[in-house]
Amino acid sequence: MLLYTLTSPRFSPQLPLDYSCSEDSLTKHPLITCGIVTDYPIVHKGVRMSSAHQNVSGMLKGTPDSEMEAACKAETSRKKTPSLDPSAATQLPVSTNCLACSEDGRYLSLGHSQGLSVWCASSLVCAAEWKQDALEVTSIQMTRMAETAYLLGAVDDMGVARVFAYHCECIHLLSVINIMDNINKRSICLTFELSEGGDYGAASISCNGAAWLQVYHFPSEAWLKEMETALSQKQDPNSSEDVDMKWSPVAVVIKIKPPKMPAGTLDGPLEVFRMTDWFSRCLAQEVDTGSSRQQEEQCFDRDAGKTKEKKESPQRCTQHFLWPCGQFPGGGKAKPGLPVAVSVWWSGSHNLLQYLLQKSPKNKTDVEPMPDVLWPNAKKILCSAVSRCSRHIALGLDDALVCVWDRKSGSPLSIVLVSAADSAFFRMQFVENWPEHADVSQTFTTAKVCLMLLCKSGATHTVTAGRGTQSCIVQLSKRPKDSGDIPTVTASVPFLQSLSLVVQRNGKMFLQDVINRSSVCSLKLPTTHRIATPCHPVYALNTKQQTLFIQAGDQDSSCTASSEVGSQSQLFIFRFGEPDIIKRYIVSLPDSPRQLNTLSCVTLEETCNLYFQQRALSVDERNNALMQTWKQLPETAATVQQTQQSCSQLKNCSS
């Protein structure tokens, strides 16, 4: 069964015209300068300063001590923000490139220039190592597959992905994902992601200008038995030490390539509207707009009389594993504790595609798979994020649009225009509040999500949106004037309610309250050290121990010193559960998506019944929103008419 969830690509969000986020605009920041109490030079609409304040501010603006005033303000702000020092530090292996923490918080995995290591997170003692000469691990991921077994996914500097397992203080190499048999057909793994629990893995591979996504199913049960056998052989004194264990091979579930229209399908632009297949229509429209955009981007060199040819780079994909929730086409029920699908979007595409994982292949393996669900969007996708329960998928689109899809209803939860965005979106993330009783089957009217957006300019925003509710957009930080203040990390801290970790290029770290837009606490390294790579910090959050692990080097070392051969750095530990100022933000984490009892609608009829039921419950709320919009129309029309009259008067005066 092929299911399409479609909306008009010409749909545009309708936001209240006089909407403004409720904030405390009267908040004052006192500053004591030479015994005179003044305010920050912040102008608020509708707020009138007293004559004394106006005189003082006027005198300060014209004095040559303005630089001293700014320095005093920065010093006062610095003193008001408490700082947190690291509680421990330890030496890292040579050229440590990446760091990951297991979900249960018991172990850390490190990738370095000689292989990888597994450390105990509490004692910071190396539990096991896997070393190989001239192999530098640049990316690593760790997940728990059993009580005493953990799966590791690693990518080295040559683009080779490998799957390891840590079991009883031993690291086993289970599989090499992209083996390079022919140097002329060398495949490079761009990204490698493991699903929680280690049942599936997704590798984005590039080879000779072509790119595709390959999803693997790991034989977890067979690997556990083989690891127990290897452990018994190792403990047997009569067995040989050099026992070559043959591990069960991984199975390719699906191979996804960028969708393309067959040759000769489109005879003209109007042919798109004559198609009866909705998937072909959406795909054809995207191909047609993409080709027209390429023609517009081509520049003609008049001097040479030739058209400059641009070398097309291979498309890159972004994927997310999805857990059971909402529509589940395919005729079967989801197995508990396993992801059911993978969502994929390609660079430059408008469409979000979903492919099922737990279905028996009816077609041949060489036939390209068709997506089971398609979510079209009006603009090009720039970034994406998935909520913890994977019910909501957020997409950052071109022209500052944010679209949040609800997998339970198969329709957009909200479409928001971030008018304050001064550049394209770069990264987005869900801000989880982690309530004690998480209910993923909440009604449509109460469903609400909060997102944190990072723009390429360095500005950050939060977006709170929901079905039938007003969207609230708050700008956390403006575009930094100094390039050193550009954030390289803005990560939501799961165990701290409404707090995010911010790391800047200049090496500054702090915890920011995304609701109050204030710095809660700054993280201070010793004066002898600084973040090893501020542009790409190596860090990990331990949700169970409420700890931050971050790599730092000597103060006199440059940003590239940590990547040089033979350079060593230290791992600093910040414990957030100890300071009193952070304790009030600590919340208990809910169960993982594998343990949540999600309500899955296995048939389209059940999904439609649930959708109409919730529509009936939200009639009053939607009618109130409609009446409010109609009341705003006369005011908007009067404003537009007044603007037109002013423009015409200006034209008459100029003529």
Foldseek 3Di string as FASTA:
>chain_A
DFDEQEDDLPDDDDADPPDDDDDDPVDWDWAQDPNDTETPPDDDPPDDDDPVNVVVVVVQVPDPCVVVRVVSVVVVQVVVFAAFEFPDKDWDPALWAFKEAEQQRQWIKIWGQFGIFIAGRPVRHTLETDGDHRWGWNDKYWADQDDFKIKMWTATPQQKIWIWMDGPSYIGTADIDQDPPDPQFHKHWPDKDADHNRQKIKTWIDTPQFIKIWMKGDPSVQQVVQVVVVVVLCPDPPHDNPDDGHHDDIGTQAIAGPDDDDPPQDPDPVSLVVDPDPVVSLRVVLVVVVVVVVVVPWDADPVVRDIDDDDDHYKTKDKDFAAFAAEDPAPDDDDFLDTFWMWMDIASAQKIFIAGRPHDDPDDRVDHDDGSYIYGHNFTFAEWEADQLRQWIWTFGPQQKIWIAGRNLSGTFDIDHPVPDPAGWHYKYWADQADVDDDPPDFQQPDKTKMWTAGPLQWIWIWIGGHLDRIHIDTLDDRDPDQQARWLDWAHQQQFGQWTWTQGNVQWIFIARNVNSDTNYTYDYPPQKGQLASNDWHWYARNNQQKIKTWIAGPPDDNCPSNDGPDMTMITMTGQCPDPSRVVRGDDHDDGSSPDPHDHDHDPVVSVVSVVVSVVVCVVSVVVVVVVSVVCVVVVVVVVVVVVVVVVVVVVVVD
